């Protein structure tokens, strides 16, 4: 007995919806091709959900060498936001 999984709801963000649709169809792909599907979906989601580097940090949100704070506004090493005292 097999049951159909209902389609995922749409998000209204085209790039996200396309990435999710690709993931929904991954089971129909050969196992050897699935990693590429996952990597593409990951890249698409990162691009859609984090479109810019507005915080000045590196990819993990850590401050750059110039002391730019993390995106969440956590203080820098000196305890002041953005490294200012």
PDB file of N, CA and C in Angstrom:
ATOM      1  N   UNK A   1       0.837  -1.170   0.000  1.00  0.00           N
ATOM      2  CA  UNK A   1       0.000   0.000   0.000  1.00  0.00           C
ATOM      3  C   UNK A   1       0.889   1.243   0.000  1.00  0.00           C
ATOM      4  N   UNK A   2       0.723   2.091  -0.974  1.00  0.00           N
ATOM      5  CA  UNK A   2       1.478   3.334  -1.041  1.00  0.00           C
ATOM      6  C   UNK A   2       0.523   4.502  -0.905  1.00  0.00           C
ATOM      7  N   UNK A   3       1.011   5.552  -0.336  1.00  0.00           N
ATOM      8  CA  UNK A   3       0.192   6.754  -0.212  1.00  0.00           C
ATOM      9  C   UNK A   3       0.920   7.910  -0.874  1.00  0.00           C
ATOM     10  N   UNK A   4       0.156   8.762  -1.486  1.00  0.00           N
ATOM     11  CA  UNK A   4       0.710   9.934  -2.135  1.00  0.00           C
ATOM     12  C   UNK A   4       0.986  11.007  -1.086  1.00  0.00           C
ATOM     13  N   UNK A   5       2.111  11.660  -1.229  1.00  0.00           N
ATOM     14  CA  UNK A   5       2.441  12.775  -0.360  1.00  0.00           C
ATOM     15  C   UNK A   5       1.854  14.025  -0.998  1.00  0.00           C
ATOM     16  N   UNK A   6       1.120  14.822  -0.244  1.00  0.00           N
ATOM     17  CA  UNK A   6       0.535  16.025  -0.838  1.00  0.00           C
ATOM     18  C   UNK A   6       1.620  16.996  -1.288  1.00  0.00           C
ATOM     19  N   UNK A   7       1.304  17.753  -2.310  1.00  0.00           N
ATOM     20  CA  UNK A   7       2.252  18.743  -2.819  1.00  0.00           C
ATOM     21  C   UNK A   7       2.505  19.806  -1.753  1.00  0.00           C
ATOM     22  N   UNK A   8       3.731  20.274  -1.722  1.00  0.00           N
ATOM     23  CA  UNK A   8       4.082  21.320  -0.770  1.00  0.00           C
ATOM     24  C   UNK A   8       3.373  22.615  -1.151  1.00  0.00           C
ATOM     25  N   UNK A   9       2.950  23.380  -0.162  1.00  0.00           N
ATOM     26  CA  UNK A   9       2.318  24.660  -0.482  1.00  0.00           C
ATOM     27  C   UNK A   9       3.342  25.610  -1.098  1.00  0.00           C
ATOM     28  N   UNK A  10       2.859  26.527  -1.894  1.00  0.00           N
ATOM     29  CA  UNK A  10       3.772  27.495  -2.494  1.00  0.00           C
ATOM     30  C   UNK A  10       4.074  28.599  -1.493  1.00  0.00           C
ATOM     31  N   UNK A  11       5.241  29.197  -1.666  1.00  0.00           N
ATOM     32  CA  UNK A  11       5.672  30.254  -0.759  1.00  0.00           C
ATOM     33  C   UNK A  11       5.386  31.637  -1.315  1.00  0.00           C
ATOM     34  N   UNK A  12       5.189  31.716  -2.623  1.00  0.00           N
ATOM     35  CA  UNK A  12       5.021  33.014  -3.261  1.00  0.00           C
ATOM     36  C   UNK A  12       6.338  33.608  -3.730  1.00  0.00           C
ATOM     37  N   UNK A  13       7.442  32.949  -3.406  1.00  0.00           N
ATOM     38  CA  UNK A  13       8.764  33.374  -3.864  1.00  0.00           C
ATOM     39  C   UNK A  13       9.185  32.375  -4.931  1.00  0.00           C
ATOM     40  N   UNK A  14       9.236  32.827  -6.175  1.00  0.00           N
ATOM     41  CA  UNK A  14       9.470  31.938  -7.301  1.00  0.00           C
ATOM     42  C   UNK A  14      10.690  31.051  -7.158  1.00  0.00           C
ATOM     43  N   UNK A  15      11.823  31.625  -6.757  1.00  0.00           N
ATOM     44  CA  UNK A  15      13.055  30.841  -6.643  1.00  0.00           C
ATOM     45  C   UNK A  15      12.927  29.767  -5.566  1.00  0.00           C
ATOM     46  N   UNK A  16      12.258  30.091  -4.478  1.00  0.00           N
ATOM     47  CA  UNK A  16      12.062  29.120  -3.401  1.00  0.00           C
ATOM     48  C   UNK A  16      11.128  28.013  -3.867  1.00  0.00           C
ATOM     49  N   UNK A  17      10.038  28.392  -4.527  1.00  0.00           N
ATOM     50  CA  UNK A  17       9.088  27.392  -5.025  1.00  0.00           C
ATOM     51  C   UNK A  17       9.740  26.456  -6.035  1.00  0.00           C
ATOM     52  N   UNK A  18      10.592  26.990  -6.910  1.00  0.00           N
ATOM     53  CA  UNK A  18      11.286  26.131  -7.888  1.00  0.00           C
ATOM     54  C   UNK A  18      12.253  25.179  -7.192  1.00  0.00           C
ATOM     55  N   UNK A  19      12.964  25.660  -6.183  1.00  0.00           N
ATOM     56  CA  UNK A  19      13.897  24.800  -5.447  1.00  0.00           C
ATOM     57  C   UNK A  19      13.143  23.688  -4.728  1.00  0.00           C
ATOM     58  N   UNK A  20      12.015  24.029  -4.118  1.00  0.00           N
ATOM     59  CA  UNK A  20      11.222  23.016  -3.421  1.00  0.00           C
ATOM     60  C   UNK A  20      10.628  22.007  -4.393  1.00  0.00           C
ATOM     61  N   UNK A  21      10.221  22.463  -5.569  1.00  0.00           N
ATOM     62  CA  UNK A  21       9.687  21.546  -6.581  1.00  0.00           C
ATOM     63  C   UNK A  21      10.771  20.578  -7.046  1.00  0.00           C
ATOM     64  N   UNK A  22      11.993  21.075  -7.207  1.00  0.00           N
ATOM     65  CA  UNK A  22      13.099  20.201  -7.606  1.00  0.00           C
ATOM     66  C   UNK A  22      13.355  19.148  -6.530  1.00  0.00           C
ATOM     67  N   UNK A  23      13.258  19.543  -5.268  1.00  0.00           N
ATOM     68  CA  UNK A  23      13.449  18.585  -4.178  1.00  0.00           C
ATOM     69  C   UNK A  23      12.316  17.570  -4.122  1.00  0.00           C
ATOM     70  N   UNK A  24      11.094  18.011  -4.428  1.00  0.00           N
ATOM     71  CA  UNK A  24       9.963  17.077  -4.464  1.00  0.00           C
ATOM     72  C   UNK A  24      10.177  15.986  -5.499  1.00  0.00           C
ATOM     73  N   UNK A  25      10.837  16.333  -6.607  1.00  0.00           N
ATOM     74  CA  UNK A  25      11.023  15.388  -7.704  1.00  0.00           C
ATOM     75  C   UNK A  25      12.325  14.601  -7.599  1.00  0.00           C
ATOM     76  N   UNK A  26      13.118  14.816  -6.553  1.00  0.00           N
ATOM     77  CA  UNK A  26      14.439  14.197  -6.472  1.00  0.00           C
ATOM     78  C   UNK A  26      14.363  12.674  -6.407  1.00  0.00           C
ATOM     79  N   UNK A  27      13.312  12.126  -5.824  1.00  0.00           N
ATOM     80  CA  UNK A  27      13.231  10.666  -5.713  1.00  0.00           C
ATOM     81  C   UNK A  27      13.084   9.990  -7.073  1.00  0.00           C
ATOM     82  N   UNK A  28      12.682  10.743  -8.090  1.00  0.00           N
ATOM     83  CA  UNK A  28      12.568  10.187  -9.438  1.00  0.00           C
ATOM     84  C   UNK A  28      13.903  10.185 -10.177  1.00  0.00           C
ATOM     85  N   UNK A  29      14.918  10.826  -9.599  1.00  0.00           N
ATOM     86  CA  UNK A  29      16.232  10.926 -10.230  1.00  0.00           C
ATOM     87  C   UNK A  29      17.120   9.775  -9.780  1.00  0.00           C
ATOM     88  N   UNK A  30      18.078   9.388 -10.610  1.00  0.00           N
ATOM     89  CA  UNK A  30      19.054   8.384 -10.169  1.00  0.00           C
ATOM     90  C   UNK A  30      19.815   8.897  -8.940  1.00  0.00           C
ATOM     91  N   UNK A  31      20.186   7.991  -8.077  1.00  0.00           N
ATOM     92  CA  UNK A  31      20.882   8.373  -6.847  1.00  0.00           C
ATOM     93  C   UNK A  31      22.122   9.207  -7.152  1.00  0.00           C
ATOM     94  N   UNK A  32      22.840   8.859  -8.190  1.00  0.00           N
ATOM     95  CA  UNK A  32      24.065   9.582  -8.534  1.00  0.00           C
ATOM     96  C   UNK A  32      23.796  11.037  -8.907  1.00  0.00           C
ATOM     97  N   UNK A  33      22.589  11.362  -9.338  1.00  0.00           N
ATOM     98  CA  UNK A  33      22.249  12.729  -9.740  1.00  0.00           C
ATOM     99  C   UNK A  33      21.689  13.565  -8.593  1.00  0.00           C
ATOM    100  N   UNK A  34      21.375  12.947  -7.485  1.00  0.00           N
ATOM    101  CA  UNK A  34      20.676  13.652  -6.412  1.00  0.00           C
ATOM    102  C   UNK A  34      21.527  14.704  -5.722  1.00  0.00           C
ATOM    103  N   UNK A  35      22.811  14.453  -5.586  1.00  0.00           N
ATOM    104  CA  UNK A  35      23.677  15.434  -4.927  1.00  0.00           C
ATOM    105  C   UNK A  35      23.627  16.757  -5.674  1.00  0.00           C
ATOM    106  N   UNK A  36      23.670  16.701  -6.994  1.00  0.00           N
ATOM    107  CA  UNK A  36      23.616  17.929  -7.789  1.00  0.00           C
ATOM    108  C   UNK A  36      22.294  18.663  -7.576  1.00  0.00           C
ATOM    109  N   UNK A  37      21.200  17.918  -7.449  1.00  0.00           N
ATOM    110  CA  UNK A  37      19.892  18.533  -7.200  1.00  0.00           C
ATOM    111  C   UNK A  37      19.899  19.225  -5.838  1.00  0.00           C
ATOM    112  N   UNK A  38      20.435  18.545  -4.822  1.00  0.00           N
ATOM    113  CA  UNK A  38      20.497  19.141  -3.487  1.00  0.00           C
ATOM    114  C   UNK A  38      21.380  20.389  -3.485  1.00  0.00           C
ATOM    115  N   UNK A  39      22.528  20.318  -4.147  1.00  0.00           N
ATOM    116  CA  UNK A  39      23.431  21.468  -4.184  1.00  0.00           C
ATOM    117  C   UNK A  39      22.792  22.653  -4.895  1.00  0.00           C
ATOM    118  N   UNK A  40      22.104  22.395  -6.004  1.00  0.00           N
ATOM    119  CA  UNK A  40      21.438  23.473  -6.732  1.00  0.00           C
ATOM    120  C   UNK A  40      20.315  24.076  -5.895  1.00  0.00           C
ATOM    121  N   UNK A  41      19.541  23.233  -5.228  1.00  0.00           N
ATOM    122  CA  UNK A  41      18.461  23.736  -4.378  1.00  0.00           C
ATOM    123  C   UNK A  41      19.031  24.579  -3.239  1.00  0.00           C
ATOM    124  N   UNK A  42      20.114  24.119  -2.645  1.00  0.00           N
ATOM    125  CA  UNK A  42      20.752  24.868  -1.563  1.00  0.00           C
ATOM    126  C   UNK A  42      21.222  26.229  -2.052  1.00  0.00           C
ATOM    127  N   UNK A  43      21.887  26.254  -3.200  1.00  0.00           N
ATOM    128  CA  UNK A  43      22.372  27.517  -3.757  1.00  0.00           C
ATOM    129  C   UNK A  43      21.209  28.455  -4.083  1.00  0.00           C
ATOM    130  N   UNK A  44      20.146  27.910  -4.654  1.00  0.00           N
ATOM    131  CA  UNK A  44      18.983  28.730  -4.998  1.00  0.00           C
ATOM    132  C   UNK A  44      18.324  29.308  -3.752  1.00  0.00           C
ATOM    133  N   UNK A  45      18.188  28.484  -2.725  1.00  0.00           N
ATOM    134  CA  UNK A  45      17.571  28.956  -1.488  1.00  0.00           C
ATOM    135  C   UNK A  45      18.427  30.014  -0.801  1.00  0.00           C
ATOM    136  N   UNK A  46      19.723  29.805  -0.767  1.00  0.00           N
ATOM    137  CA  UNK A  46      20.614  30.812  -0.164  1.00  0.00           C
ATOM    138  C   UNK A  46      20.514  32.125  -0.905  1.00  0.00           C
ATOM    139  N   UNK A  47      20.501  32.052  -2.234  1.00  0.00           N
ATOM    140  CA  UNK A  47      20.416  33.261  -3.040  1.00  0.00           C
ATOM    141  C   UNK A  47      19.088  33.976  -2.829  1.00  0.00           C
ATOM    142  N   UNK A  48      18.003  33.218  -2.784  1.00  0.00           N
ATOM    143  CA  UNK A  48      16.677  33.815  -2.628  1.00  0.00           C
ATOM    144  C   UNK A  48      16.451  34.371  -1.228  1.00  0.00           C
ATOM    145  N   UNK A  49      16.955  33.681  -0.232  1.00  0.00           N
ATOM    146  CA  UNK A  49      16.674  34.061   1.146  1.00  0.00           C
ATOM    147  C   UNK A  49      17.718  34.987   1.748  1.00  0.00           C
ATOM    148  N   UNK A  50      18.882  35.078   1.140  1.00  0.00           N
ATOM    149  CA  UNK A  50      19.949  35.958   1.605  1.00  0.00           C
ATOM    150  C   UNK A  50      20.539  36.650   0.390  1.00  0.00           C
ATOM    151  N   UNK A  51      19.766  37.550  -0.245  1.00  0.00           N
ATOM    152  CA  UNK A  51      20.171  38.099  -1.532  1.00  0.00           C
ATOM    153  C   UNK A  51      21.378  39.016  -1.503  1.00  0.00           C
ATOM    154  N   UNK A  52      21.751  39.547  -0.358  1.00  0.00           N
ATOM    155  CA  UNK A  52      22.891  40.451  -0.342  1.00  0.00           C
ATOM    156  C   UNK A  52      23.723  40.282   0.897  1.00  0.00           C
ATOM    157  N   UNK A  53      24.872  40.885   0.872  1.00  0.00           N
ATOM    158  CA  UNK A  53      25.777  40.852   2.011  1.00  0.00           C
ATOM    159  C   UNK A  53      25.724  42.217   2.675  1.00  0.00           C
ATOM    160  N   UNK A  54      24.542  42.588   3.157  1.00  0.00           N
ATOM    161  CA  UNK A  54      24.340  43.905   3.728  1.00  0.00           C
ATOM    162  C   UNK A  54      25.026  44.087   5.071  1.00  0.00           C
ATOM    163  N   UNK A  55      25.336  42.993   5.764  1.00  0.00           N
ATOM    164  CA  UNK A  55      25.917  43.120   7.095  1.00  0.00           C
ATOM    165  C   UNK A  55      27.425  43.292   7.066  1.00  0.00           C
ATOM    166  N   UNK A  56      28.047  43.100   5.915  1.00  0.00           N
ATOM    167  CA  UNK A  56      29.481  43.256   5.820  1.00  0.00           C
ATOM    168  C   UNK A  56      30.260  42.104   6.397  1.00  0.00           C
ATOM    169  N   UNK A  57      29.581  41.089   6.906  1.00  0.00           N
ATOM    170  CA  UNK A  57      30.259  39.938   7.479  1.00  0.00           C
ATOM    171  C   UNK A  57      30.602  38.918   6.425  1.00  0.00           C
ATOM    172  N   UNK A  58      31.292  37.881   6.854  1.00  0.00           N
ATOM    173  CA  UNK A  58      31.585  36.810   5.916  1.00  0.00           C
ATOM    174  C   UNK A  58      30.390  35.867   5.867  1.00  0.00           C
ATOM    175  N   UNK A  59      30.523  34.735   5.174  1.00  0.00           N
ATOM    176  CA  UNK A  59      29.380  33.865   4.924  1.00  0.00           C
ATOM    177  C   UNK A  59      28.714  33.342   6.185  1.00  0.00           C
ATOM    178  N   UNK A  60      29.452  33.160   7.277  1.00  0.00           N
ATOM    179  CA  UNK A  60      28.834  32.620   8.486  1.00  0.00           C
ATOM    180  C   UNK A  60      28.322  33.710   9.422  1.00  0.00           C
ATOM    181  N   UNK A  61      28.361  34.967   8.978  1.00  0.00           N
ATOM    182  CA  UNK A  61      27.845  36.061   9.783  1.00  0.00           C
ATOM    183  C   UNK A  61      28.864  36.670  10.720  1.00  0.00           C
ATOM    184  N   UNK A  62      30.088  36.142  10.721  1.00  0.00           N
ATOM    185  CA  UNK A  62      31.127  36.693  11.572  1.00  0.00           C
ATOM    186  C   UNK A  62      31.549  38.058  11.040  1.00  0.00           C
ATOM    187  N   UNK A  63      32.002  38.941  11.922  1.00  0.00           N
ATOM    188  CA  UNK A  63      32.408  40.259  11.455  1.00  0.00           C
ATOM    189  C   UNK A  63      33.615  40.188  10.539  1.00  0.00           C
ATOM    190  N   UNK A  64      33.675  41.136   9.623  1.00  0.00           N
ATOM    191  CA  UNK A  64      34.841  41.260   8.764  1.00  0.00           C
ATOM    192  C   UNK A  64      35.994  41.845   9.569  1.00  0.00           C
ATOM    193  N   UNK A  65      37.150  41.901   8.949  1.00  0.00           N
ATOM    194  CA  UNK A  65      38.337  42.429   9.605  1.00  0.00           C
ATOM    195  C   UNK A  65      38.150  43.883  10.035  1.00  0.00           C
ATOM    196  N   UNK A  66      37.253  44.629   9.358  1.00  0.00           N
ATOM    197  CA  UNK A  66      37.046  46.033   9.714  1.00  0.00           C
ATOM    198  C   UNK A  66      36.149  46.217  10.932  1.00  0.00           C
ATOM    199  N   UNK A  67      35.685  45.110  11.537  1.00  0.00           N
ATOM    200  CA  UNK A  67      34.883  45.196  12.744  1.00  0.00           C
ATOM    201  C   UNK A  67      33.404  45.356  12.506  1.00  0.00           C
ATOM    202  N   UNK A  68      32.948  45.182  11.267  1.00  0.00           N
ATOM    203  CA  UNK A  68      31.521  45.272  10.979  1.00  0.00           C
ATOM    204  C   UNK A  68      30.803  44.206  11.792  1.00  0.00           C
ATOM    205  N   UNK A  69      29.709  44.555  12.478  1.00  0.00           N
ATOM    206  CA  UNK A  69      29.035  43.575  13.333  1.00  0.00           C
ATOM    207  C   UNK A  69      28.321  42.497  12.544  1.00  0.00           C
ATOM    208  N   UNK A  70      27.946  41.460  13.263  1.00  0.00           N
ATOM    209  CA  UNK A  70      27.143  40.410  12.660  1.00  0.00           C
ATOM    210  C   UNK A  70      25.767  40.958  12.335  1.00  0.00           C
ATOM    211  N   UNK A  71      25.041  40.249  11.480  1.00  0.00           N
ATOM    212  CA  UNK A  71      23.729  40.697  11.035  1.00  0.00           C
ATOM    213  C   UNK A  71      22.744  40.839  12.188  1.00  0.00           C
ATOM    214  N   UNK A  72      22.903  40.040  13.245  1.00  0.00           N
ATOM    215  CA  UNK A  72      21.948  40.099  14.345  1.00  0.00           C
ATOM    216  C   UNK A  72      22.257  41.205  15.340  1.00  0.00           C
ATOM    217  N   UNK A  73      23.303  42.005  15.075  1.00  0.00           N
ATOM    218  CA  UNK A  73      23.625  43.130  15.930  1.00  0.00           C
ATOM    219  C   UNK A  73      24.371  42.767  17.188  1.00  0.00           C
ATOM    220  N   UNK A  74      24.917  41.555  17.268  1.00  0.00           N
ATOM    221  CA  UNK A  74      25.668  41.177  18.459  1.00  0.00           C
ATOM    222  C   UNK A  74      26.900  42.057  18.580  1.00  0.00           C
ATOM    223  N   UNK A  75      27.310  42.349  19.796  1.00  0.00           N
ATOM    224  CA  UNK A  75      28.451  43.235  19.990  1.00  0.00           C
ATOM    225  C   UNK A  75      29.757  42.624  19.499  1.00  0.00           C
ATOM    226  N   UNK A  76      30.654  43.501  19.193  1.00  0.00           N
ATOM    227  CA  UNK A  76      32.003  43.092  18.814  1.00  0.00           C
ATOM    228  C   UNK A  76      32.798  42.771  20.082  1.00  0.00           C
ATOM    229  N   UNK A  77      34.063  42.474  19.917  1.00  0.00           N
ATOM    230  CA  UNK A  77      34.919  42.049  21.021  1.00  0.00           C
ATOM    231  C   UNK A  77      34.979  43.079  22.145  1.00  0.00           C
ATOM    232  N   UNK A  78      34.882  44.385  21.823  1.00  0.00           N
ATOM    233  CA  UNK A  78      34.977  45.398  22.864  1.00  0.00           C
ATOM    234  C   UNK A  78      33.658  45.630  23.599  1.00  0.00           C
ATOM    235  N   UNK A  79      32.608  44.881  23.202  1.00  0.00           N
ATOM    236  CA  UNK A  79      31.333  44.963  23.886  1.00  0.00           C
ATOM    237  C   UNK A  79      30.359  45.967  23.307  1.00  0.00           C
ATOM    238  N   UNK A  80      30.804  46.804  22.392  1.00  0.00           N
ATOM    239  CA  UNK A  80      29.914  47.798  21.793  1.00  0.00           C
ATOM    240  C   UNK A  80      29.466  47.326  20.420  1.00  0.00           C
ATOM    241  N   UNK A  81      28.218  47.588  20.056  1.00  0.00           N
ATOM    242  CA  UNK A  81      27.765  47.202  18.717  1.00  0.00           C
ATOM    243  C   UNK A  81      28.638  47.850  17.653  1.00  0.00           C
ATOM    244  N   UNK A  82      29.054  47.070  16.710  1.00  0.00           N
ATOM    245  CA  UNK A  82      29.845  47.594  15.600  1.00  0.00           C
ATOM    246  C   UNK A  82      31.256  47.962  15.970  1.00  0.00           C
ATOM    247  N   UNK A  83      31.683  47.614  17.163  1.00  0.00           N
ATOM    248  CA  UNK A  83      33.059  47.886  17.560  1.00  0.00           C
ATOM    249  C   UNK A  83      33.290  49.325  17.977  1.00  0.00           C
ATOM    250  N   UNK A  84      32.218  50.096  18.214  1.00  0.00           N
ATOM    251  CA  UNK A  84      32.395  51.478  18.632  1.00  0.00           C
ATOM    252  C   UNK A  84      32.180  51.584  20.125  1.00  0.00           C
ATOM    253  N   UNK A  85      32.913  52.425  20.771  1.00  0.00           N
ATOM    254  CA  UNK A  85      32.777  52.566  22.220  1.00  0.00           C
ATOM    255  C   UNK A  85      32.282  53.939  22.579  1.00  0.00           C
TER     256      UNK A  85
END
